Amino acid sequence: MQRFREGNHKNTAVVTVRTAPRDRRRAIVSFGGITVPAALGRSGTTPFKREGDGATPIAPMRFLYGYVRGDRVTLPPTPLSMTRIGKGLLWCDQPEHPSYNRPVKAPFRPSHEEMMRADGLYDICLVLDWNVTSRARNRGSAIFFHLIKPGYQPTAGCIAVSLPDMKRLIRFMRKGTVVRVLG
């Protein structure tokens, strides 16, 4: 597979995510003439996303905003609204809690994701509108477009790319850009 191809990015509004033919936990991401490899959820993809199932939802999702670990990563210019991750930033993944699938601040006792991770996965983390603007309990939370683990290991349901590929793509992403995951 060719590592990437660059083309015209300005008029492209859809990021296409196609599962890889030999491993449903891997994908090929295409956006504006750029094509890069990616990791998907440990359970592959599903049209029926549930909290904790480890699957990436098959759906169109829009970028809302993003987070960056400014102490570890320098971002290229991007039209997407980015917020620096602080130590107390968490993401609630407890379906019964009123802050389900929302950012919260520490201390926070219900189940949550730490946004300032030691492993660097969220050094650049873009929030996808999966169950965010219109929430339903147990429909899945913290579905992000973030950085990969070594060897493109599967995610918990997110879409993950390498740091160089993220820096190449993020320059053209903005609020409302659609990420379309295909089965």
N, C-alpha and C. Protein backbone atom coordinates (compact mmCIF):
# COMPACT_ATOMS: atom_id res chain seq x y z
N MET A 1 0.85 -1.19 0.00
CA MET A 1 0.00 0.00 0.00
C MET A 1 0.89 1.24 0.00
N GLN A 2 0.54 2.19 -0.80
CA GLN A 2 1.27 3.45 -0.82
C GLN A 2 1.01 4.18 0.48
N ARG A 3 2.04 4.73 1.10
CA ARG A 3 1.93 5.36 2.42
C ARG A 3 0.95 6.53 2.41
N PHE A 4 1.06 7.43 1.47
CA PHE A 4 0.10 8.52 1.34
C PHE A 4 0.19 9.11 -0.05
N ARG A 5 -0.87 9.76 -0.39
CA ARG A 5 -0.91 10.52 -1.64
C ARG A 5 -1.44 11.90 -1.29
N GLU A 6 -0.83 12.91 -1.86
CA GLU A 6 -1.29 14.25 -1.58
C GLU A 6 -1.97 14.82 -2.81
N GLY A 7 -3.05 15.55 -2.59
CA GLY A 7 -3.79 16.15 -3.69
C GLY A 7 -4.43 17.44 -3.26
N ASN A 8 -5.56 17.77 -3.86
CA ASN A 8 -6.29 19.00 -3.55
C ASN A 8 -7.12 18.80 -2.30
N HIS A 9 -6.86 19.56 -1.23
CA HIS A 9 -7.54 19.41 0.05
C HIS A 9 -8.64 20.44 0.28
N LYS A 10 -8.61 21.54 -0.42
CA LYS A 10 -9.44 22.69 -0.07
C LYS A 10 -10.94 22.43 -0.20
N ASN A 11 -11.37 21.66 -1.17
CA ASN A 11 -12.79 21.47 -1.38
C ASN A 11 -13.33 20.16 -0.80
N THR A 12 -12.51 19.45 -0.04
CA THR A 12 -12.92 18.16 0.49
C THR A 12 -13.52 18.35 1.87
N ALA A 13 -14.69 17.77 2.10
CA ALA A 13 -15.35 17.91 3.39
C ALA A 13 -15.61 16.56 4.06
N VAL A 14 -15.17 15.45 3.46
CA VAL A 14 -15.44 14.13 4.02
C VAL A 14 -14.14 13.35 4.18
N VAL A 15 -13.93 12.84 5.39
CA VAL A 15 -12.84 11.91 5.67
C VAL A 15 -13.46 10.52 5.56
N THR A 16 -12.94 9.69 4.67
CA THR A 16 -13.48 8.34 4.49
C THR A 16 -12.59 7.34 5.21
N VAL A 17 -13.23 6.48 6.02
CA VAL A 17 -12.52 5.45 6.77
C VAL A 17 -13.05 4.10 6.30
N ARG A 18 -12.20 3.33 5.61
CA ARG A 18 -12.59 2.01 5.10
C ARG A 18 -11.82 0.94 5.86
N THR A 19 -12.51 -0.11 6.29
CA THR A 19 -11.81 -1.19 6.98
C THR A 19 -10.85 -1.87 6.01
N ALA A 20 -9.72 -2.32 6.56
CA ALA A 20 -8.72 -3.01 5.75
C ALA A 20 -9.23 -4.40 5.39
N PRO A 21 -8.88 -4.90 4.22
CA PRO A 21 -9.43 -6.18 3.77
C PRO A 21 -9.04 -7.38 4.62
N ARG A 22 -7.88 -7.39 5.23
CA ARG A 22 -7.42 -8.57 5.97
C ARG A 22 -7.55 -8.45 7.47
N ASP A 23 -7.86 -7.26 7.98
CA ASP A 23 -7.96 -7.07 9.43
C ASP A 23 -8.98 -5.98 9.69
N ARG A 24 -10.13 -6.35 10.24
CA ARG A 24 -11.23 -5.41 10.48
C ARG A 24 -10.90 -4.41 11.59
N ARG A 25 -9.77 -4.57 12.24
CA ARG A 25 -9.33 -3.63 13.27
C ARG A 25 -8.38 -2.58 12.71
N ARG A 26 -8.12 -2.67 11.42
CA ARG A 26 -7.28 -1.70 10.73
C ARG A 26 -8.10 -1.01 9.66
N ALA A 27 -7.64 0.15 9.24
CA ALA A 27 -8.41 0.92 8.25
C ALA A 27 -7.48 1.70 7.34
N ILE A 28 -8.09 2.22 6.30
CA ILE A 28 -7.45 3.15 5.39
C ILE A 28 -8.26 4.43 5.44
N VAL A 29 -7.60 5.53 5.80
CA VAL A 29 -8.25 6.83 5.92
C VAL A 29 -7.87 7.66 4.70
N SER A 30 -8.89 8.23 4.04
CA SER A 30 -8.66 9.07 2.87
C SER A 30 -9.32 10.42 3.09
N PHE A 31 -8.57 11.47 2.77
CA PHE A 31 -9.09 12.83 2.93
C PHE A 31 -8.35 13.75 1.99
N GLY A 32 -9.06 14.32 1.06
CA GLY A 32 -8.48 15.34 0.18
C GLY A 32 -7.26 14.88 -0.58
N GLY A 33 -7.24 13.63 -1.01
CA GLY A 33 -6.11 13.13 -1.76
C GLY A 33 -5.01 12.53 -0.91
N ILE A 34 -5.13 12.59 0.41
CA ILE A 34 -4.17 11.97 1.31
C ILE A 34 -4.77 10.63 1.75
N THR A 35 -3.98 9.56 1.70
CA THR A 35 -4.42 8.24 2.15
C THR A 35 -3.41 7.72 3.15
N VAL A 36 -3.88 7.34 4.35
CA VAL A 36 -2.99 6.87 5.42
C VAL A 36 -3.60 5.65 6.11
N PRO A 37 -2.76 4.80 6.72
CA PRO A 37 -3.27 3.67 7.49
C PRO A 37 -3.77 4.14 8.86
N ALA A 38 -4.67 3.35 9.45
CA ALA A 38 -5.23 3.70 10.76
C ALA A 38 -5.58 2.43 11.53
N ALA A 39 -5.80 2.61 12.82
CA ALA A 39 -6.30 1.54 13.69
C ALA A 39 -7.74 1.85 14.04
N LEU A 40 -8.53 0.78 14.19
CA LEU A 40 -9.94 0.90 14.61
C LEU A 40 -10.11 0.13 15.92
N GLY A 41 -11.36 0.02 16.35
CA GLY A 41 -11.67 -0.67 17.59
C GLY A 41 -11.28 -2.14 17.60
N ARG A 42 -11.00 -2.66 18.79
CA ARG A 42 -10.57 -4.07 18.94
C ARG A 42 -11.63 -5.06 18.44
N SER A 43 -12.89 -4.62 18.38
CA SER A 43 -13.98 -5.46 17.87
C SER A 43 -14.35 -5.11 16.43
N GLY A 44 -13.51 -4.35 15.75
CA GLY A 44 -13.81 -3.95 14.37
C GLY A 44 -14.81 -2.82 14.34
N THR A 45 -15.76 -2.91 13.43
CA THR A 45 -16.77 -1.86 13.28
C THR A 45 -18.16 -2.45 13.51
N THR A 46 -19.11 -1.57 13.84
CA THR A 46 -20.49 -2.00 14.05
C THR A 46 -21.46 -0.87 13.75
N PRO A 47 -22.63 -1.20 13.20
CA PRO A 47 -23.68 -0.18 13.05
C PRO A 47 -24.50 -0.02 14.33
N PHE A 48 -24.25 -0.88 15.32
CA PHE A 48 -25.04 -0.88 16.57
C PHE A 48 -24.12 -0.66 17.77
N LYS A 49 -23.48 0.48 17.85
CA LYS A 49 -22.50 0.81 18.89
C LYS A 49 -23.14 0.79 20.27
N ARG A 50 -22.44 0.14 21.24
CA ARG A 50 -22.85 0.10 22.64
C ARG A 50 -21.65 0.44 23.51
N GLU A 51 -21.88 1.02 24.66
CA GLU A 51 -20.81 1.38 25.58
C GLU A 51 -19.97 0.15 25.93
N GLY A 52 -18.66 0.27 25.75
CA GLY A 52 -17.74 -0.78 26.15
C GLY A 52 -17.59 -1.94 25.19
N ASP A 53 -18.22 -1.88 24.00
CA ASP A 53 -18.14 -3.02 23.07
C ASP A 53 -16.83 -3.08 22.29
N GLY A 54 -16.02 -2.02 22.36
CA GLY A 54 -14.73 -2.02 21.67
C GLY A 54 -14.82 -1.87 20.17
N ALA A 55 -15.97 -1.47 19.66
CA ALA A 55 -16.17 -1.33 18.21
C ALA A 55 -16.21 0.14 17.81
N THR A 56 -15.79 0.39 16.58
CA THR A 56 -15.88 1.72 15.98
C THR A 56 -17.23 1.81 15.27
N PRO A 57 -18.01 2.86 15.52
CA PRO A 57 -19.33 2.96 14.89
C PRO A 57 -19.25 3.16 13.38
N ILE A 58 -20.06 2.40 12.64
CA ILE A 58 -20.22 2.62 11.20
C ILE A 58 -21.25 3.74 11.08
N ALA A 59 -20.77 4.92 10.77
CA ALA A 59 -21.65 6.08 10.75
C ALA A 59 -20.89 7.30 10.23
N PRO A 60 -21.63 8.30 9.76
CA PRO A 60 -20.99 9.59 9.53
C PRO A 60 -20.96 10.36 10.85
N MET A 61 -19.80 10.92 11.20
CA MET A 61 -19.64 11.70 12.43
C MET A 61 -18.89 12.98 12.07
N ARG A 62 -19.27 14.07 12.68
CA ARG A 62 -18.60 15.34 12.40
C ARG A 62 -17.55 15.65 13.47
N PHE A 63 -16.47 16.33 13.04
CA PHE A 63 -15.52 16.85 14.01
C PHE A 63 -16.17 18.00 14.75
N LEU A 64 -16.03 18.02 16.08
CA LEU A 64 -16.56 19.12 16.88
C LEU A 64 -15.44 20.09 17.29
N TYR A 65 -14.37 19.56 17.86
CA TYR A 65 -13.22 20.33 18.34
C TYR A 65 -12.14 19.33 18.72
N GLY A 66 -11.04 19.81 19.24
CA GLY A 66 -9.96 18.90 19.61
C GLY A 66 -9.20 19.34 20.82
N TYR A 67 -8.33 18.43 21.26
CA TYR A 67 -7.44 18.67 22.40
C TYR A 67 -6.01 18.39 21.96
N VAL A 68 -5.07 19.09 22.59
CA VAL A 68 -3.66 18.89 22.29
C VAL A 68 -2.85 18.96 23.58
N ARG A 69 -1.84 18.10 23.67
CA ARG A 69 -0.87 18.15 24.77
C ARG A 69 0.22 19.11 24.31
N GLY A 70 0.02 20.38 24.56
CA GLY A 70 0.95 21.41 24.11
C GLY A 70 2.34 21.28 24.70
N ASP A 71 2.46 20.56 25.82
CA ASP A 71 3.77 20.36 26.42
C ASP A 71 4.56 19.26 25.70
N ARG A 72 3.90 18.49 24.81
CA ARG A 72 4.58 17.39 24.12
C ARG A 72 4.51 17.47 22.60
N VAL A 73 3.53 18.19 22.06
CA VAL A 73 3.31 18.21 20.61
C VAL A 73 3.12 19.64 20.14
N THR A 74 3.70 19.95 19.00
CA THR A 74 3.46 21.23 18.34
C THR A 74 2.54 20.97 17.16
N LEU A 75 1.44 21.69 17.14
CA LEU A 75 0.45 21.52 16.08
C LEU A 75 0.76 22.42 14.89
N PRO A 76 0.51 21.92 13.68
CA PRO A 76 0.54 22.84 12.55
C PRO A 76 -0.73 23.70 12.60
N PRO A 77 -0.79 24.78 11.86
CA PRO A 77 -2.02 25.57 11.85
C PRO A 77 -3.21 24.71 11.41
N THR A 78 -4.35 24.89 12.09
CA THR A 78 -5.56 24.15 11.75
C THR A 78 -6.77 25.03 11.99
N PRO A 79 -7.80 24.93 11.14
CA PRO A 79 -9.02 25.70 11.38
C PRO A 79 -9.89 25.09 12.48
N LEU A 80 -9.54 23.88 12.95
CA LEU A 80 -10.31 23.21 13.99
C LEU A 80 -9.98 23.83 15.35
N SER A 81 -10.99 24.12 16.14
CA SER A 81 -10.79 24.68 17.47
C SER A 81 -10.10 23.66 18.36
N MET A 82 -8.94 24.02 18.91
CA MET A 82 -8.14 23.12 19.74
C MET A 82 -7.95 23.72 21.13
N THR A 83 -8.06 22.87 22.16
CA THR A 83 -7.86 23.28 23.54
C THR A 83 -6.70 22.49 24.13
N ARG A 84 -5.87 23.17 24.88
CA ARG A 84 -4.73 22.51 25.52
C ARG A 84 -5.23 21.61 26.66
N ILE A 85 -4.72 20.39 26.72
CA ILE A 85 -5.10 19.44 27.77
C ILE A 85 -4.38 19.79 29.05
N GLY A 86 -5.16 19.93 30.13
CA GLY A 86 -4.59 20.16 31.46
C GLY A 86 -4.69 18.90 32.29
N LYS A 87 -3.99 18.86 33.42
CA LYS A 87 -3.94 17.66 34.27
C LYS A 87 -5.30 17.20 34.75
N GLY A 88 -6.21 18.09 34.99
CA GLY A 88 -7.51 17.71 35.55
C GLY A 88 -8.57 17.36 34.52
N LEU A 89 -8.22 17.33 33.23
CA LEU A 89 -9.22 17.08 32.20
C LEU A 89 -9.50 15.58 32.07
N LEU A 90 -10.78 15.23 32.21
CA LEU A 90 -11.24 13.85 32.10
C LEU A 90 -12.42 13.81 31.13
N TRP A 91 -12.85 12.60 30.75
CA TRP A 91 -14.02 12.43 29.88
C TRP A 91 -14.90 11.37 30.53
N CYS A 92 -16.12 11.72 30.89
CA CYS A 92 -17.03 10.80 31.58
C CYS A 92 -17.54 9.72 30.64
N ASP A 93 -17.36 8.44 31.05
CA ASP A 93 -17.90 7.32 30.26
C ASP A 93 -18.84 6.44 31.10
N GLN A 94 -19.40 7.03 32.15
CA GLN A 94 -20.37 6.34 33.02
C GLN A 94 -21.78 6.64 32.50
N PRO A 95 -22.46 5.67 31.86
CA PRO A 95 -23.74 5.94 31.21
C PRO A 95 -24.82 6.53 32.12
N GLU A 96 -24.82 6.21 33.40
CA GLU A 96 -25.87 6.69 34.30
C GLU A 96 -25.61 8.11 34.79
N HIS A 97 -24.42 8.63 34.58
CA HIS A 97 -24.07 9.95 35.10
C HIS A 97 -24.60 11.06 34.19
N PRO A 98 -25.04 12.19 34.76
CA PRO A 98 -25.52 13.31 33.92
C PRO A 98 -24.47 13.87 32.96
N SER A 99 -23.17 13.68 33.27
CA SER A 99 -22.10 14.17 32.40
C SER A 99 -21.61 13.12 31.42
N TYR A 100 -22.38 12.05 31.23
CA TYR A 100 -22.00 10.98 30.31
C TYR A 100 -21.61 11.55 28.95
N ASN A 101 -20.47 11.08 28.46
CA ASN A 101 -19.91 11.48 27.16
C ASN A 101 -19.68 12.99 27.06
N ARG A 102 -19.15 13.53 28.14
CA ARG A 102 -18.81 14.95 28.22
C ARG A 102 -17.45 15.11 28.91
N PRO A 103 -16.74 16.18 28.62
CA PRO A 103 -15.53 16.45 29.39
C PRO A 103 -15.91 16.85 30.82
N VAL A 104 -15.11 16.42 31.78
CA VAL A 104 -15.31 16.75 33.19
C VAL A 104 -13.95 17.07 33.80
N LYS A 105 -13.96 17.64 34.98
CA LYS A 105 -12.72 18.00 35.68
C LYS A 105 -12.51 17.09 36.88
N ALA A 106 -11.25 16.79 37.16
CA ALA A 106 -10.88 16.02 38.36
C ALA A 106 -10.99 16.96 39.56
N PRO A 107 -11.32 16.43 40.74
CA PRO A 107 -11.61 15.02 41.02
C PRO A 107 -13.01 14.65 40.53
N PHE A 108 -13.10 13.40 40.03
CA PHE A 108 -14.36 12.89 39.48
C PHE A 108 -14.38 11.39 39.71
N ARG A 109 -15.29 10.92 40.54
CA ARG A 109 -15.30 9.52 40.95
C ARG A 109 -15.93 8.56 39.93
N PRO A 110 -16.99 8.92 39.21
CA PRO A 110 -17.56 7.97 38.24
C PRO A 110 -16.53 7.58 37.17
N SER A 111 -16.83 6.54 36.42
CA SER A 111 -15.93 6.04 35.38
C SER A 111 -15.61 7.14 34.37
N HIS A 112 -14.33 7.21 33.97
CA HIS A 112 -13.90 8.27 33.06
C HIS A 112 -12.62 7.87 32.34
N GLU A 113 -12.31 8.63 31.29
CA GLU A 113 -11.05 8.55 30.56
C GLU A 113 -10.19 9.71 31.03
N GLU A 114 -8.90 9.46 31.22
CA GLU A 114 -7.96 10.55 31.50
C GLU A 114 -7.48 11.09 30.16
N MET A 115 -7.58 12.38 29.98
CA MET A 115 -7.19 12.97 28.71
C MET A 115 -5.68 13.22 28.64
N MET A 116 -5.03 13.44 29.79
CA MET A 116 -3.58 13.64 29.82
C MET A 116 -2.93 12.27 30.09
N ARG A 117 -2.79 11.50 29.02
CA ARG A 117 -2.31 10.12 29.13
C ARG A 117 -0.80 10.05 29.02
N ALA A 118 -0.21 9.13 29.78
CA ALA A 118 1.24 8.92 29.72
C ALA A 118 1.66 8.31 28.39
N ASP A 119 0.77 7.51 27.76
CA ASP A 119 1.13 6.80 26.53
C ASP A 119 1.06 7.67 25.28
N GLY A 120 0.59 8.89 25.39
CA GLY A 120 0.58 9.83 24.27
C GLY A 120 -0.55 9.66 23.26
N LEU A 121 -1.48 8.74 23.50
CA LEU A 121 -2.56 8.52 22.53
C LEU A 121 -3.41 9.77 22.30
N TYR A 122 -3.60 10.55 23.35
CA TYR A 122 -4.43 11.75 23.23
C TYR A 122 -3.60 13.03 23.12
N ASP A 123 -2.32 12.91 22.76
CA ASP A 123 -1.51 14.13 22.59
C ASP A 123 -2.16 15.04 21.54
N ILE A 124 -2.79 14.44 20.54
CA ILE A 124 -3.72 15.15 19.65
C ILE A 124 -4.97 14.28 19.61
N CYS A 125 -6.07 14.85 20.04
CA CYS A 125 -7.31 14.09 20.19
C CYS A 125 -8.47 14.94 19.66
N LEU A 126 -9.09 14.48 18.58
CA LEU A 126 -10.18 15.22 17.96
C LEU A 126 -11.51 14.56 18.34
N VAL A 127 -12.43 15.35 18.85
CA VAL A 127 -13.71 14.84 19.32
C VAL A 127 -14.67 14.70 18.14
N LEU A 128 -15.19 13.47 17.98
CA LEU A 128 -16.18 13.19 16.95
C LEU A 128 -17.57 13.26 17.55
N ASP A 129 -18.52 13.73 16.77
CA ASP A 129 -19.89 13.86 17.27
C ASP A 129 -20.61 12.50 17.21
N TRP A 130 -20.10 11.57 18.00
CA TRP A 130 -20.79 10.31 18.20
C TRP A 130 -21.43 10.38 19.58
N ASN A 131 -22.74 10.51 19.63
CA ASN A 131 -23.47 10.52 20.89
C ASN A 131 -23.08 11.70 21.78
N VAL A 132 -22.68 12.82 21.16
CA VAL A 132 -22.31 14.00 21.94
C VAL A 132 -23.42 15.04 21.89
N THR A 133 -23.76 15.56 20.71
CA THR A 133 -24.78 16.62 20.65
C THR A 133 -26.18 16.07 20.92
N SER A 134 -26.39 14.82 20.63
CA SER A 134 -27.67 14.16 20.94
C SER A 134 -27.33 12.85 21.63
N ARG A 135 -27.33 12.86 22.97
CA ARG A 135 -26.87 11.72 23.75
C ARG A 135 -27.96 10.70 24.05
N ALA A 136 -27.55 9.43 24.10
CA ALA A 136 -28.41 8.34 24.55
C ALA A 136 -27.55 7.47 25.46
N ARG A 137 -28.06 7.09 26.60
CA ARG A 137 -27.31 6.25 27.54
C ARG A 137 -26.88 4.94 26.90
N ASN A 138 -25.66 4.53 27.19
CA ASN A 138 -25.08 3.27 26.71
C ASN A 138 -24.83 3.20 25.20
N ARG A 139 -24.94 4.31 24.51
CA ARG A 139 -24.75 4.30 23.05
C ARG A 139 -23.28 4.43 22.65
N GLY A 140 -22.41 4.63 23.65
CA GLY A 140 -20.99 4.76 23.39
C GLY A 140 -20.49 6.16 23.69
N SER A 141 -19.27 6.21 24.22
CA SER A 141 -18.69 7.50 24.61
C SER A 141 -17.22 7.57 24.22
N ALA A 142 -16.70 8.77 24.24
CA ALA A 142 -15.28 9.02 23.97
C ALA A 142 -14.84 8.42 22.64
N ILE A 143 -15.61 8.67 21.59
CA ILE A 143 -15.21 8.22 20.25
C ILE A 143 -14.41 9.38 19.63
N PHE A 144 -13.10 9.16 19.56
CA PHE A 144 -12.17 10.20 19.15
C PHE A 144 -11.40 9.77 17.90
N PHE A 145 -10.77 10.76 17.27
CA PHE A 145 -9.80 10.56 16.20
C PHE A 145 -8.49 10.96 16.85
N HIS A 146 -7.64 9.98 17.17
CA HIS A 146 -6.45 10.28 17.97
C HIS A 146 -5.22 9.57 17.43
N LEU A 147 -4.15 9.56 18.21
CA LEU A 147 -2.88 8.97 17.78
C LEU A 147 -2.85 7.47 18.06
N ILE A 148 -2.03 6.76 17.28
CA ILE A 148 -1.97 5.30 17.37
C ILE A 148 -1.08 4.80 18.50
N LYS A 149 -1.31 3.54 18.86
CA LYS A 149 -0.38 2.79 19.70
C LYS A 149 0.67 2.21 18.76
N PRO A 150 1.85 1.86 19.27
CA PRO A 150 2.87 1.24 18.40
C PRO A 150 2.30 0.01 17.68
N GLY A 151 2.64 -0.15 16.40
CA GLY A 151 2.19 -1.30 15.63
C GLY A 151 0.73 -1.24 15.22
N TYR A 152 0.12 -0.07 15.31
CA TYR A 152 -1.30 0.10 14.94
C TYR A 152 -2.19 -0.87 15.71
N GLN A 153 -1.93 -1.03 17.01
CA GLN A 153 -2.77 -1.87 17.85
C GLN A 153 -4.18 -1.29 17.87
N PRO A 154 -5.20 -2.16 18.03
CA PRO A 154 -6.58 -1.67 18.03
C PRO A 154 -6.87 -0.70 19.17
N THR A 155 -7.90 0.10 18.96
CA THR A 155 -8.35 1.08 19.95
C THR A 155 -9.54 0.50 20.73
N ALA A 156 -10.12 1.30 21.58
CA ALA A 156 -11.33 0.90 22.32
C ALA A 156 -12.59 1.26 21.53
N GLY A 157 -12.44 1.75 20.29
CA GLY A 157 -13.58 2.12 19.45
C GLY A 157 -13.32 3.38 18.65
N CYS A 158 -12.17 3.98 18.85
CA CYS A 158 -11.81 5.22 18.15
C CYS A 158 -11.13 4.91 16.82
N ILE A 159 -10.75 5.98 16.12
CA ILE A 159 -9.95 5.92 14.90
C ILE A 159 -8.60 6.53 15.26
N ALA A 160 -7.51 5.83 14.96
CA ALA A 160 -6.20 6.32 15.37
C ALA A 160 -5.22 6.28 14.20
N VAL A 161 -4.43 7.35 14.08
CA VAL A 161 -3.41 7.46 13.03
C VAL A 161 -2.09 7.87 13.67
N SER A 162 -1.01 7.77 12.90
CA SER A 162 0.31 8.16 13.40
C SER A 162 0.40 9.68 13.58
N LEU A 163 1.36 10.12 14.39
CA LEU A 163 1.56 11.56 14.60
C LEU A 163 1.88 12.29 13.30
N PRO A 164 2.81 11.78 12.46
CA PRO A 164 3.05 12.50 11.19
C PRO A 164 1.80 12.58 10.31
N ASP A 165 1.01 11.49 10.28
CA ASP A 165 -0.20 11.51 9.46
C ASP A 165 -1.24 12.47 10.04
N MET A 166 -1.36 12.50 11.38
CA MET A 166 -2.30 13.44 12.01
C MET A 166 -1.91 14.87 11.67
N LYS A 167 -0.62 15.18 11.74
CA LYS A 167 -0.17 16.54 11.43
C LYS A 167 -0.44 16.89 9.96
N ARG A 168 -0.36 15.92 9.09
CA ARG A 168 -0.64 16.16 7.67
C ARG A 168 -2.13 16.42 7.46
N LEU A 169 -2.99 15.64 8.14
CA LEU A 169 -4.44 15.75 7.95
C LEU A 169 -5.06 16.95 8.67
N ILE A 170 -4.62 17.23 9.89
CA ILE A 170 -5.29 18.22 10.73
C ILE A 170 -5.25 19.63 10.13
N ARG A 171 -4.30 19.89 9.27
CA ARG A 171 -4.21 21.22 8.63
C ARG A 171 -5.46 21.56 7.84
N PHE A 172 -6.21 20.53 7.42
CA PHE A 172 -7.37 20.74 6.55
C PHE A 172 -8.69 20.43 7.24
N MET A 173 -8.66 20.01 8.49
CA MET A 173 -9.88 19.64 9.20
C MET A 173 -10.46 20.85 9.92
N ARG A 174 -11.79 20.90 9.94
CA ARG A 174 -12.47 22.00 10.62
C ARG A 174 -13.73 21.46 11.26
N LYS A 175 -14.33 22.26 12.12
CA LYS A 175 -15.59 21.87 12.73
C LYS A 175 -16.60 21.57 11.62
N GLY A 176 -17.26 20.43 11.72
CA GLY A 176 -18.25 20.05 10.73
C GLY A 176 -17.71 19.12 9.66
N THR A 177 -16.39 18.99 9.52
CA THR A 177 -15.85 18.02 8.58
C THR A 177 -16.39 16.65 8.97
N VAL A 178 -16.90 15.92 8.00
CA VAL A 178 -17.52 14.61 8.27
C VAL A 178 -16.49 13.50 8.18
N VAL A 179 -16.52 12.62 9.17
CA VAL A 179 -15.73 11.38 9.15
C VAL A 179 -16.73 10.28 8.88
N ARG A 180 -16.62 9.62 7.73
CA ARG A 180 -17.57 8.58 7.35
C ARG A 180 -16.89 7.22 7.46
N VAL A 181 -17.31 6.45 8.48
CA VAL A 181 -16.78 5.10 8.68
C VAL A 181 -17.65 4.14 7.90
N LEU A 182 -17.00 3.39 7.00
CA LEU A 182 -17.71 2.41 6.18
C LEU A 182 -17.43 1.01 6.72
N GLY A 183 -18.39 0.13 6.63
CA GLY A 183 -18.25 -1.23 7.16
C GLY A 183 -17.38 -2.12 6.32
